Amino acid sequence: MWRLSSTTSSSSSSALRGRGLISRTALITSPAPSSSSSRGTGSFFKQSRRFLQTDSDSLGASSGKMLAYDESMRFDKTGDRSSALVRYRISSDEIIRREYMRYDHGVRIGRLLEDLDAGAGDVAARHCYLGSPHHEMTDNVTACVDGILIDDHLGNIETDGKDFFLEGRLMWVGSASMMIRMRVWTADGTWEPSNLAACGSAKPDESVPPKRLKSQASIALKRIYQVAERNPGPNRFGSEHCGIGTDGAVAALLPPDRKKLLQGDFLFVALSKGSRKAVKINGLTTVSAEDKQLFAEGEAMRAKRKATAAKGGKGFAPCAEEASYLHLMHTRGLMRHAAPAKDMFDYLFKSQPLPEGHFLPDALDGEQMALDGDKSTSSQIVPICQTQCRSIISTQPQSQNAGGKIFGGQLMRQAYELAVQNIRLLLNATGHCVGLKALVIEDTVFKAPVPIGACLNYSSHVVYTKGRYAQVFVTAHVHVIGAHSTYLANTFMYTFEAKERDFPHIVPISYAEMMLNLKGRRAYYSRFSPREE
């Protein structure tokens, strides 16, 4: 259990303050990471939030007026300077393990998605820092996520003996935007770093922004601080081992024998706190071959986004091959089977099984149409409209980021967990009680900020299936009740795999559903080559 104490020895207090881990007015102490607490995770985080509020008040009272962000003070930095690494003692710390454990003792991916976004924000803030504590920092907002790969190879995290390692590294920088690659690794919980000298000093210096302390961090970022503090070994996060001379910290703290659990590329845009307009940021110096490769990948993704944006709404119009694909579903009777019966003739048509081969369209305009035939062994047809799931949430101030809007990582977690329930309900409703595995979180787009006190409406549909694979599309609409306005804030696409059986056939019955079906189909083929199977 955490204890609040107003006094401590001057030597230990100054040492911990140098590492940026305690308040000027209070000190948090905790049991050893291997111990357990009967109060559990909830009490742990409630106590920490109360402490962090005290820290914020004390710092705010002593701070003066800040100078505006000055673009003329920009300078180039290496990717090592802003890199981050935090170790999660899942194997030995029961409190941390409970926070990231799923109902079936697996890992809670949604919680890690929050940490990926928060960790990327820490990397972005340290790169944009001008080196002056008297100047305002930029507000860095998540613009999009270019896919998150998931390899959930863990079984029971209570018995696997694995720890998690959250790593973040800058990969590409533009004029006012930057791309950060975030990864979560797993490794043996008994491994300990041996080359601690490469970490450099744990004390922050003039290269570390003061606001990267807990005092002004978001709730999710504060949670990563708690994880870092409960690690008896060193981390590279916030202000610990992040100053000059600490460029080798990540390599020293990352185990060589590790396996990737998650990887995602986050695009941030730097905004002025006052005008909310994009501002120019520090440049990136590429030194190693890895730096150059990451920069090239980031440049390729930027070019792809630019080409997609240039198409505008026309990019969603079906091409000739896709029009043939939709027409063939209609002529083969799939849409009529999926649509509700309007008269007795429709009822008689739907009561008869489809002839064999109706799910295998003929080749039209090339090989892709021949390969697009569902190889599913399922005989069930489900219209897209009947797969919808909704979740309505009132946004609260506890989930706000530094800019006063809802934290992007929370939006990612809520949308992902709704998509998981959506696909599980589909499998259960069609009698397919089988294992499920999330493979990819496709491009996540943050179209508009989500304010505090709004009604957030998530809507999820299973939009495309092909054998054991399914695409789930989720939208997040904001309803500002006082202003009587509604707008689309976020879109998400997910790829799932059924481990033992095929999914039922998902069929559109309206033009809007046809566009959703094509959106899922495009996502499938962009991720998996048809010739792989």
Protein backbone atom coordinates (compact mmCIF):
# COMPACT_ATOMS: atom_id res chain seq x y z
CA MET A 1 0.00 0.00 0.00
CA TRP A 2 1.26 3.50 -0.80
CA ARG A 3 1.89 5.89 2.11
CA LEU A 4 1.98 9.67 2.04
CA SER A 5 4.68 11.26 4.16
CA SER A 6 5.39 14.97 4.62
CA THR A 7 8.92 14.49 5.92
CA THR A 8 11.96 12.56 4.85
CA SER A 9 15.70 12.82 5.26
CA SER A 10 17.30 15.64 3.28
CA SER A 11 19.81 13.35 1.59
CA SER A 12 17.30 10.82 0.30
CA SER A 13 14.85 13.56 -0.66
CA SER A 14 17.35 15.49 -2.75
CA ALA A 15 18.58 12.32 -4.42
CA LEU A 16 15.11 11.30 -5.48
CA ARG A 17 14.24 14.80 -6.62
CA GLY A 18 17.29 14.74 -8.82
CA ARG A 19 15.79 11.76 -10.62
CA GLY A 20 12.52 13.62 -11.06
CA LEU A 21 10.49 11.03 -9.11
CA ILE A 22 9.06 12.88 -6.11
CA SER A 23 7.21 16.05 -5.24
CA ARG A 24 8.67 19.10 -3.56
CA THR A 25 6.12 18.72 -0.77
CA ALA A 26 5.48 14.99 -0.46
CA LEU A 27 7.19 11.65 -0.87
CA ILE A 28 5.59 8.42 -1.99
CA THR A 29 6.92 5.20 -0.57
CA SER A 30 5.91 1.72 -1.60
CA PRO A 31 6.55 -1.90 -0.70
CA ALA A 32 9.03 -3.99 -2.60
CA PRO A 33 7.82 -4.92 -6.08
CA SER A 34 7.46 -8.57 -5.13
CA SER A 35 5.04 -7.83 -2.29
CA SER A 36 1.26 -7.88 -2.63
CA SER A 37 -1.41 -5.49 -1.39
CA SER A 38 -4.83 -6.53 -0.16
CA ARG A 39 -6.25 -3.19 -1.32
CA GLY A 40 -5.37 -4.01 -4.94
CA THR A 41 -4.82 -1.87 -7.97
CA GLY A 42 -7.70 0.54 -7.45
CA SER A 43 -6.42 1.79 -4.09
CA PHE A 44 -2.89 2.05 -5.48
CA PHE A 45 -3.87 4.40 -8.31
CA LYS A 46 -6.28 6.45 -6.18
CA GLN A 47 -3.50 7.20 -3.71
CA SER A 48 -1.07 8.07 -6.50
CA ARG A 49 -3.55 10.45 -8.15
CA ARG A 50 -4.04 12.32 -4.87
CA PHE A 51 -0.27 12.68 -4.50
CA LEU A 52 0.17 13.84 -8.08
CA GLN A 53 -2.43 16.58 -7.61
CA THR A 54 -0.45 17.87 -4.62
CA ASP A 55 2.69 17.88 -6.77
CA SER A 56 0.93 19.85 -9.52
CA ASP A 57 -0.40 22.49 -7.11
CA SER A 58 2.99 23.11 -5.53
CA LEU A 59 4.76 23.52 -8.86
CA GLY A 60 2.02 25.74 -10.29
CA ALA A 61 2.19 28.07 -7.30
CA SER A 62 5.93 28.60 -7.68
CA SER A 63 6.05 29.04 -11.46
CA GLY A 64 6.06 32.43 -13.16
CA LYS A 65 4.69 33.55 -16.49
CA MET A 66 6.12 31.57 -19.39
CA LEU A 67 7.51 33.08 -22.57
CA ALA A 68 5.90 32.09 -25.87
CA TYR A 69 7.37 29.25 -27.92
CA ASP A 70 10.17 30.66 -30.08
CA GLU A 71 10.82 28.93 -33.41
CA SER A 72 14.18 30.71 -33.76
CA MET A 73 15.56 28.66 -30.85
CA ARG A 74 15.15 25.37 -32.71
CA PHE A 75 18.11 22.99 -33.12
CA ASP A 76 18.64 19.45 -34.43
CA LYS A 77 18.61 16.43 -32.12
CA THR A 78 19.36 12.74 -32.55
CA GLY A 79 16.72 10.08 -32.08
CA ASP A 80 18.64 8.68 -29.10
CA ARG A 81 18.22 11.92 -27.17
CA SER A 82 14.42 11.54 -26.90
CA SER A 83 14.14 7.73 -26.81
CA ALA A 84 12.27 6.08 -23.94
CA LEU A 85 12.19 2.72 -22.16
CA VAL A 86 10.13 1.53 -19.19
CA ARG A 87 10.19 -1.93 -17.65
CA TYR A 88 6.93 -3.48 -16.40
CA ARG A 89 7.68 -6.00 -13.65
CA ILE A 90 4.74 -8.21 -14.59
CA SER A 91 6.43 -11.39 -13.41
CA SER A 92 7.14 -10.21 -9.84
CA ASP A 93 4.92 -7.20 -9.05
CA GLU A 94 1.35 -8.25 -8.34
CA ILE A 95 -0.07 -4.73 -8.38
CA ILE A 96 1.35 -3.95 -11.82
CA ARG A 97 0.32 -7.37 -13.10
CA ARG A 98 -3.30 -6.86 -12.02
CA GLU A 99 -3.46 -3.55 -13.86
CA TYR A 100 -2.52 -5.24 -17.17
CA MET A 101 -4.19 -8.63 -16.75
CA ARG A 102 -7.26 -9.59 -18.78
CA TYR A 103 -10.22 -11.52 -17.37
CA ASP A 104 -8.76 -14.80 -18.72
CA HIS A 105 -5.27 -14.03 -17.30
CA GLY A 106 -3.98 -12.88 -20.68
CA VAL A 107 -2.59 -9.40 -21.35
CA ARG A 108 -5.03 -6.49 -21.61
CA ILE A 109 -4.05 -5.04 -24.98
CA GLY A 110 -6.32 -2.01 -24.58
CA ARG A 111 -4.42 -0.84 -21.50
CA LEU A 112 -1.13 -1.10 -23.35
CA LEU A 113 -2.59 0.97 -26.21
CA GLU A 114 -3.05 3.81 -23.75
CA ASP A 115 0.58 3.48 -22.71
CA LEU A 116 1.78 3.46 -26.32
CA ASP A 117 0.11 6.81 -26.97
CA ALA A 118 1.25 8.30 -23.66
CA GLY A 119 4.81 7.08 -24.17
CA ALA A 120 4.88 8.48 -27.70
CA GLY A 121 3.76 11.82 -26.26
CA ASP A 122 6.72 11.77 -23.86
CA VAL A 123 9.15 11.16 -26.73
CA ALA A 124 7.56 13.95 -28.78
CA ALA A 125 7.68 16.45 -25.93
CA ARG A 126 11.36 15.85 -25.21
CA HIS A 127 12.27 16.19 -28.88
CA CYS A 128 10.37 19.49 -29.23
CA TYR A 129 11.87 20.99 -26.06
CA LEU A 130 13.89 24.11 -26.92
CA GLY A 131 16.21 23.75 -23.92
CA SER A 132 14.78 26.72 -22.03
CA PRO A 133 12.58 26.18 -18.96
CA HIS A 134 11.27 29.73 -19.36
CA HIS A 135 9.62 29.12 -22.74
CA GLU A 136 6.33 27.35 -23.34
CA MET A 137 6.42 23.89 -24.81
CA THR A 138 4.35 22.85 -27.80
CA ASP A 139 1.06 21.02 -27.47
CA ASN A 140 1.67 17.78 -29.36
CA VAL A 141 -1.52 16.09 -30.56
CA THR A 142 -1.88 12.62 -32.06
CA ALA A 143 -2.93 12.97 -35.71
CA CYS A 144 -3.02 9.30 -36.68
CA VAL A 145 -1.51 5.88 -36.02
CA ASP A 146 -0.16 4.05 -39.08
CA GLY A 147 -1.16 0.58 -37.94
CA ILE A 148 -0.37 -1.36 -34.76
CA LEU A 149 0.86 -4.92 -35.20
CA ILE A 150 -0.20 -7.34 -32.46
CA ASP A 151 1.53 -10.62 -31.66
CA ASP A 152 -0.22 -11.77 -28.50
CA HIS A 153 2.00 -14.78 -27.83
CA LEU A 154 1.36 -14.75 -24.09
CA GLY A 155 -0.82 -17.25 -22.30
CA ASN A 156 -1.20 -16.68 -18.57
CA ILE A 157 0.80 -13.62 -17.52
CA GLU A 158 0.68 -14.83 -13.91
CA THR A 159 2.71 -17.93 -14.74
CA ASP A 160 4.62 -17.03 -17.93
CA GLY A 161 7.39 -15.31 -15.96
CA LYS A 162 7.66 -12.50 -18.54
CA ASP A 163 8.21 -8.77 -18.06
CA PHE A 164 7.14 -6.06 -20.51
CA PHE A 165 9.42 -3.38 -21.93
CA LEU A 166 7.85 -0.23 -23.42
CA GLU A 167 10.21 1.36 -25.97
CA GLY A 168 9.74 4.59 -27.91
CA ARG A 169 11.96 6.12 -30.58
CA LEU A 170 11.68 9.06 -32.96
CA MET A 171 11.81 7.87 -36.57
CA TRP A 172 10.88 10.87 -38.75
CA VAL A 173 10.53 14.64 -38.34
CA GLY A 174 8.95 17.15 -40.70
CA SER A 175 8.41 20.88 -40.36
CA ALA A 176 5.72 20.70 -37.66
CA SER A 177 5.09 16.96 -37.35
CA MET A 178 6.97 13.91 -36.16
CA MET A 179 6.54 10.14 -36.28
CA ILE A 180 7.41 7.94 -33.32
CA ARG A 181 7.71 4.16 -33.32
CA MET A 182 6.43 2.57 -30.14
CA ARG A 183 7.02 -1.07 -29.27
CA VAL A 184 6.20 -3.38 -26.37
CA TRP A 185 8.62 -6.27 -25.90
CA THR A 186 8.42 -9.32 -23.65
CA ALA A 187 11.44 -10.99 -22.07
CA ASP A 188 12.39 -13.27 -19.20
CA GLY A 189 11.57 -11.61 -15.88
CA THR A 190 14.84 -12.78 -14.35
CA TRP A 191 16.99 -10.79 -16.80
CA GLU A 192 18.78 -7.75 -15.37
CA PRO A 193 20.92 -5.14 -17.18
CA SER A 194 24.66 -5.48 -16.63
CA ASN A 195 26.06 -2.39 -18.38
CA LEU A 196 24.50 0.32 -16.23
CA ALA A 197 27.41 2.66 -16.89
CA ALA A 198 26.06 3.14 -20.42
CA CYS A 199 22.87 4.67 -18.99
CA GLY A 200 24.63 7.84 -17.92
CA SER A 201 23.51 10.04 -15.05
CA ALA A 202 20.01 9.62 -13.64
CA LYS A 203 19.85 13.31 -12.75
CA PRO A 204 18.02 15.62 -15.17
CA ASP A 205 19.92 18.51 -16.72
CA GLU A 206 19.14 21.48 -18.96
CA SER A 207 18.24 19.15 -21.85
CA VAL A 208 15.25 17.70 -19.97
CA PRO A 209 12.00 19.73 -19.97
CA PRO A 210 10.80 20.35 -16.39
CA LYS A 211 7.21 19.71 -17.45
CA ARG A 212 8.00 16.06 -18.16
CA LEU A 213 7.73 15.46 -14.42
CA LYS A 214 4.53 13.98 -12.99
CA SER A 215 3.20 17.40 -12.07
CA GLN A 216 1.57 18.18 -15.43
CA ALA A 217 1.25 14.74 -17.01
CA SER A 218 -1.97 13.13 -18.15
CA ILE A 219 -3.54 10.34 -16.10
CA ALA A 220 -2.22 7.66 -18.48
CA LEU A 221 1.28 9.18 -18.42
CA LYS A 222 1.18 9.22 -14.64
CA ARG A 223 0.38 5.52 -14.71
CA ILE A 224 3.59 4.87 -16.65
CA TYR A 225 5.45 6.87 -13.99
CA GLN A 226 4.01 4.57 -11.34
CA VAL A 227 5.11 1.54 -13.33
CA ALA A 228 8.60 3.01 -13.68
CA GLU A 229 8.87 3.83 -9.99
CA ARG A 230 7.95 0.30 -8.97
CA ASN A 231 10.81 -1.03 -11.08
CA PRO A 232 13.82 -1.29 -8.73
CA GLY A 233 16.10 -1.02 -11.75
CA PRO A 234 16.62 2.06 -13.94
CA ASN A 235 14.26 3.33 -16.65
CA ARG A 236 14.57 5.97 -19.34
CA PHE A 237 11.38 7.98 -19.03
CA GLY A 238 10.33 11.51 -18.11
CA SER A 239 13.60 12.76 -16.65
CA GLU A 240 15.44 9.61 -15.55
CA HIS A 241 18.54 8.85 -17.67
CA CYS A 242 17.30 11.33 -20.30
CA GLY A 243 19.90 14.09 -20.09
CA ILE A 244 23.13 14.69 -21.97
CA GLY A 245 25.38 11.63 -21.99
CA THR A 246 22.53 9.13 -21.70
CA ASP A 247 22.16 8.22 -25.38
CA GLY A 248 23.07 4.58 -24.73
CA ALA A 249 20.45 4.04 -22.03
CA VAL A 250 17.87 2.19 -24.15
CA ALA A 251 20.40 -0.27 -25.55
CA ALA A 252 21.70 -0.96 -22.03
CA LEU A 253 18.23 -1.48 -20.53
CA LEU A 254 16.67 -3.57 -23.32
CA PRO A 255 17.25 -7.36 -23.09
CA PRO A 256 18.87 -8.88 -26.19
CA ASP A 257 16.65 -11.97 -26.03
CA ARG A 258 13.18 -10.45 -26.43
CA LYS A 259 10.00 -10.91 -28.44
CA LYS A 260 7.74 -8.22 -29.88
CA LEU A 261 4.21 -7.93 -28.51
CA LEU A 262 3.06 -4.62 -30.04
CA GLN A 263 4.43 -2.13 -32.57
CA GLY A 264 2.81 1.08 -33.77
CA ASP A 265 3.87 4.29 -35.54
CA PHE A 266 2.34 7.47 -34.08
CA LEU A 267 2.16 10.75 -36.00
CA PHE A 268 2.12 13.89 -33.84
CA VAL A 269 1.56 17.51 -34.86
CA ALA A 270 3.04 20.32 -32.76
CA LEU A 271 0.66 23.20 -31.99
CA SER A 272 1.13 26.56 -30.35
CA LYS A 273 -0.58 26.76 -26.96
CA GLY A 274 -1.98 30.18 -27.76
CA SER A 275 -3.00 30.16 -31.41
CA ARG A 276 -3.48 26.36 -31.72
CA LYS A 277 -1.69 26.58 -35.07
CA ALA A 278 1.12 24.29 -36.21
CA VAL A 279 4.63 25.48 -35.30
CA LYS A 280 8.05 24.45 -36.57
CA ILE A 281 9.97 22.04 -34.34
CA ASN A 282 13.51 20.79 -33.83
CA GLY A 283 15.00 18.81 -36.69
CA LEU A 284 16.24 15.20 -36.59
CA THR A 285 19.85 14.17 -37.11
CA THR A 286 20.21 10.61 -38.43
CA VAL A 287 23.48 9.00 -37.39
CA SER A 288 23.30 5.22 -37.55
CA ALA A 289 22.07 2.93 -40.31
CA GLU A 290 19.02 2.18 -38.16
CA ASP A 291 18.26 5.91 -37.94
CA LYS A 292 18.40 6.25 -41.71
CA GLN A 293 16.19 3.21 -42.24
CA LEU A 294 13.56 4.48 -39.80
CA PHE A 295 13.59 7.89 -41.44
CA ALA A 296 13.10 6.30 -44.87
CA GLU A 297 10.13 4.30 -43.55
CA GLY A 298 8.62 7.44 -42.08
CA GLU A 299 9.08 9.32 -45.35
CA ALA A 300 7.37 6.51 -47.27
CA MET A 301 4.39 6.57 -44.89
CA ARG A 302 4.18 10.35 -45.20
CA ALA A 303 4.09 10.07 -49.00
CA LYS A 304 1.36 7.44 -48.79
CA ARG A 305 -0.78 9.61 -46.52
CA LYS A 306 -0.27 12.58 -48.82
CA ALA A 307 -1.37 10.58 -51.86
CA THR A 308 -4.46 9.31 -50.02
CA ALA A 309 -5.40 12.81 -48.90
CA ALA A 310 -5.05 14.12 -52.46
CA LYS A 311 -7.77 11.74 -53.62
CA GLY A 312 -10.21 13.17 -51.10
CA GLY A 313 -13.68 11.64 -51.18
CA LYS A 314 -13.00 10.16 -54.62
CA GLY A 315 -10.65 7.68 -52.99
CA PHE A 316 -13.67 5.82 -51.54
CA ALA A 317 -15.47 5.39 -54.85
CA PRO A 318 -15.39 1.75 -56.03
CA CYS A 319 -13.09 0.96 -58.92
CA ALA A 320 -14.19 -1.25 -61.84
CA GLU A 321 -13.02 -4.46 -60.13
CA GLU A 322 -14.81 -3.55 -56.89
CA ALA A 323 -18.01 -2.66 -58.76
CA SER A 324 -17.90 -6.11 -60.39
CA TYR A 325 -17.36 -7.69 -56.99
CA LEU A 326 -20.47 -5.98 -55.58
CA HIS A 327 -22.54 -6.70 -58.67
CA LEU A 328 -21.63 -10.37 -58.47
CA MET A 329 -22.80 -10.56 -54.85
CA HIS A 330 -26.13 -9.16 -56.02
CA THR A 331 -26.56 -11.45 -59.04
CA ARG A 332 -25.62 -14.53 -57.04
CA GLY A 333 -28.42 -13.79 -54.56
CA LEU A 334 -26.24 -13.10 -51.53
CA MET A 335 -27.74 -9.67 -50.85
CA ARG A 336 -31.30 -10.98 -51.22
CA HIS A 337 -30.53 -13.77 -48.77
CA ALA A 338 -29.10 -11.27 -46.28
CA ALA A 339 -31.90 -8.70 -46.58
CA PRO A 340 -35.07 -9.06 -44.47
CA ALA A 341 -37.99 -10.71 -46.27
CA LYS A 342 -40.48 -8.20 -47.67
CA ASP A 343 -43.07 -10.65 -48.97
CA MET A 344 -43.80 -14.36 -49.26
CA PHE A 345 -41.58 -14.80 -52.32
CA ASP A 346 -38.61 -13.36 -50.41
CA TYR A 347 -39.42 -15.69 -47.52
CA LEU A 348 -39.47 -18.74 -49.80
CA PHE A 349 -36.23 -17.63 -51.47
CA LYS A 350 -34.47 -17.18 -48.10
CA SER A 351 -35.74 -20.53 -46.81
CA GLN A 352 -33.86 -22.41 -49.52
CA PRO A 353 -30.12 -23.04 -49.15
CA LEU A 354 -27.87 -21.39 -51.69
CA PRO A 355 -26.55 -23.73 -54.36
CA GLU A 356 -22.98 -24.88 -53.93
CA GLY A 357 -20.49 -22.45 -55.43
CA HIS A 358 -22.43 -19.25 -54.75
CA PHE A 359 -19.65 -18.09 -52.44
CA LEU A 360 -16.99 -18.55 -55.13
CA PRO A 361 -17.39 -15.77 -57.71
CA ASP A 362 -16.05 -16.24 -61.22
CA ALA A 363 -12.94 -14.37 -62.30
CA LEU A 364 -13.76 -10.85 -63.42
CA ASP A 365 -11.15 -8.33 -64.55
CA GLY A 366 -8.15 -10.34 -63.39
CA GLU A 367 -7.08 -12.91 -60.84
CA GLN A 368 -8.09 -10.96 -57.76
CA MET A 369 -11.80 -11.59 -58.24
CA ALA A 370 -11.17 -15.32 -58.48
CA LEU A 371 -9.17 -15.24 -55.28
CA ASP A 372 -11.71 -13.06 -53.49
CA GLY A 373 -14.18 -15.90 -53.22
CA ASP A 374 -14.73 -16.65 -49.56
CA LYS A 375 -12.99 -19.85 -48.62
CA SER A 376 -15.19 -20.05 -45.56
CA THR A 377 -16.76 -23.37 -44.71
CA SER A 378 -19.62 -21.55 -42.97
CA SER A 379 -23.05 -21.67 -44.57
CA GLN A 380 -24.37 -18.68 -42.62
CA ILE A 381 -25.00 -15.21 -44.05
CA VAL A 382 -25.15 -12.17 -41.77
CA PRO A 383 -26.00 -8.67 -43.04
CA ILE A 384 -23.63 -5.92 -41.94
CA CYS A 385 -26.44 -3.97 -40.28
CA GLN A 386 -27.08 -6.83 -37.84
CA THR A 387 -23.47 -6.83 -36.59
CA GLN A 388 -23.61 -3.33 -35.11
CA CYS A 389 -22.60 -2.71 -31.48
CA ARG A 390 -22.69 0.66 -29.73
CA SER A 391 -21.12 2.20 -26.67
CA ILE A 392 -22.05 5.66 -25.38
CA ILE A 393 -19.75 7.39 -22.91
CA SER A 394 -19.82 10.75 -21.15
CA THR A 395 -16.32 12.26 -21.34
CA GLN A 396 -14.86 13.25 -17.96
CA PRO A 397 -12.00 15.60 -16.93
CA GLN A 398 -10.01 12.76 -15.36
CA SER A 399 -9.21 11.56 -18.88
CA GLN A 400 -7.95 14.82 -20.35
CA ASN A 401 -4.56 15.41 -21.88
CA ALA A 402 -2.28 18.43 -21.47
CA GLY A 403 -4.40 20.32 -24.01
CA GLY A 404 -7.64 19.85 -22.07
CA LYS A 405 -9.14 17.30 -24.50
CA ILE A 406 -9.74 13.57 -24.09
CA PHE A 407 -6.50 11.59 -24.13
CA GLY A 408 -6.06 9.79 -27.47
CA GLY A 409 -4.90 6.57 -25.85
CA GLN A 410 -8.21 6.23 -24.02
CA LEU A 411 -10.10 6.58 -27.30
CA MET A 412 -7.93 3.82 -28.75
CA ARG A 413 -8.58 1.52 -25.77
CA GLN A 414 -12.34 2.05 -25.72
CA ALA A 415 -12.69 1.54 -29.48
CA TYR A 416 -10.51 -1.58 -29.43
CA GLU A 417 -12.36 -3.19 -26.54
CA LEU A 418 -15.70 -2.51 -28.26
CA ALA A 419 -14.38 -4.12 -31.46
CA VAL A 420 -13.27 -7.20 -29.50
CA GLN A 421 -16.72 -7.58 -27.94
CA ASN A 422 -18.33 -7.02 -31.35
CA ILE A 423 -16.46 -9.90 -32.97
CA ARG A 424 -16.91 -12.15 -29.93
CA LEU A 425 -20.67 -11.57 -30.02
CA LEU A 426 -20.75 -12.42 -33.72
CA LEU A 427 -18.93 -15.69 -33.12
CA ASN A 428 -21.16 -16.57 -30.20
CA ALA A 429 -24.38 -15.59 -31.99
CA THR A 430 -23.51 -17.83 -34.94
CA GLY A 431 -22.54 -20.77 -32.76
CA HIS A 432 -18.80 -20.39 -33.32
CA CYS A 433 -17.51 -20.58 -29.74
CA VAL A 434 -13.86 -20.52 -30.76
CA GLY A 435 -10.64 -18.75 -29.85
CA LEU A 436 -10.02 -15.25 -31.17
CA LYS A 437 -6.81 -13.37 -31.93
CA ALA A 438 -6.34 -9.70 -32.78
CA LEU A 439 -3.74 -9.30 -35.53
CA VAL A 440 -3.64 -5.67 -36.63
CA ILE A 441 -5.07 -2.33 -35.62
CA GLU A 442 -5.18 -0.68 -39.02
CA ASP A 443 -4.77 3.05 -39.58
CA THR A 444 -6.32 5.03 -36.73
CA VAL A 445 -7.31 8.57 -37.69
CA PHE A 446 -7.93 11.36 -35.16
CA LYS A 447 -10.09 13.72 -37.21
CA ALA A 448 -11.12 16.13 -34.45
CA PRO A 449 -10.49 16.56 -30.70
CA VAL A 450 -12.97 15.21 -28.17
CA PRO A 451 -13.97 17.82 -25.55
CA ILE A 452 -14.73 17.27 -21.89
CA GLY A 453 -18.40 16.88 -20.99
CA ALA A 454 -19.51 15.61 -24.39
CA CYS A 455 -21.45 12.48 -25.33
CA LEU A 456 -19.10 10.11 -27.15
CA ASN A 457 -20.86 7.54 -29.33
CA TYR A 458 -18.82 4.54 -30.54
CA SER A 459 -20.38 2.47 -33.34
CA SER A 460 -18.83 -0.83 -34.43
CA HIS A 461 -19.63 -3.10 -37.41
CA VAL A 462 -18.10 -6.31 -38.73
CA VAL A 463 -17.72 -5.14 -42.34
CA TYR A 464 -15.83 -7.93 -44.14
CA THR A 465 -14.91 -11.56 -43.58
CA LYS A 466 -12.74 -13.95 -45.53
CA GLY A 467 -12.34 -17.43 -44.12
CA ARG A 468 -10.79 -17.14 -40.67
CA TYR A 469 -10.23 -13.37 -40.98
CA ALA A 470 -12.62 -10.51 -40.18
CA GLN A 471 -12.45 -6.71 -40.40
CA VAL A 472 -14.19 -4.56 -37.77
CA PHE A 473 -14.75 -0.84 -38.38
CA VAL A 474 -15.41 1.53 -35.47
CA THR A 475 -16.39 5.20 -35.60
CA ALA A 476 -16.47 7.67 -32.71
CA HIS A 477 -18.97 10.54 -33.01
CA VAL A 478 -19.07 13.44 -30.57
CA HIS A 479 -22.37 14.99 -29.53
CA VAL A 480 -21.89 18.38 -27.83
CA ILE A 481 -25.23 18.57 -26.08
CA GLY A 482 -25.16 22.25 -25.14
CA ALA A 483 -24.17 23.31 -28.65
CA HIS A 484 -26.48 20.82 -30.41
CA SER A 485 -23.64 19.74 -32.70
CA THR A 486 -22.44 16.32 -33.84
CA TYR A 487 -19.24 15.45 -35.67
CA LEU A 488 -17.00 12.49 -36.48
CA ALA A 489 -13.94 12.46 -34.22
CA ASN A 490 -12.18 9.15 -34.91
CA THR A 491 -12.20 6.09 -37.15
CA PHE A 492 -10.62 2.70 -36.40
CA MET A 493 -10.18 -0.52 -38.38
CA TYR A 494 -9.20 -3.88 -36.86
CA THR A 495 -8.23 -7.28 -38.24
CA PHE A 496 -9.12 -10.41 -36.23
CA GLU A 497 -8.44 -14.08 -36.77
CA ALA A 498 -10.57 -16.99 -35.55
CA LYS A 499 -8.26 -19.75 -34.40
CA GLU A 500 -10.40 -22.81 -35.13
CA ARG A 501 -13.31 -22.05 -37.46
CA ASP A 502 -14.28 -19.70 -40.27
CA PHE A 503 -16.38 -16.59 -39.82
CA PRO A 504 -19.89 -16.41 -41.28
CA HIS A 505 -20.32 -14.53 -44.56
CA ILE A 506 -20.83 -10.80 -44.02
CA VAL A 507 -22.93 -9.24 -46.79
CA PRO A 508 -24.00 -5.60 -47.43
CA ILE A 509 -27.61 -4.84 -48.35
CA SER A 510 -27.42 -1.06 -48.86
CA TYR A 511 -25.06 1.30 -50.65
CA ALA A 512 -23.69 2.62 -47.34
CA GLU A 513 -22.96 -0.96 -46.26
CA MET A 514 -21.33 -1.67 -49.62
CA MET A 515 -18.86 1.15 -48.93
CA LEU A 516 -18.15 -0.28 -45.48
CA ASN A 517 -17.65 -3.71 -47.03
CA LEU A 518 -15.18 -2.29 -49.55
CA LYS A 519 -13.36 -0.40 -46.79
CA GLY A 520 -12.83 -3.67 -44.90
CA ARG A 521 -11.89 -5.53 -48.09
CA ARG A 522 -9.29 -2.91 -48.98
CA ALA A 523 -7.82 -3.09 -45.49
CA TYR A 524 -7.59 -6.88 -45.75
CA TYR A 525 -5.79 -6.85 -49.11
CA SER A 526 -3.47 -4.03 -48.08
CA ARG A 527 -2.33 -6.10 -45.12
CA PHE A 528 -2.36 -9.63 -46.58
CA SER A 529 -1.34 -10.61 -50.08
CA PRO A 530 -4.07 -12.70 -51.78
CA ARG A 531 -1.41 -15.02 -53.11
CA GLU A 532 -0.25 -15.92 -49.60
CA GLU A 533 -3.09 -18.37 -49.04
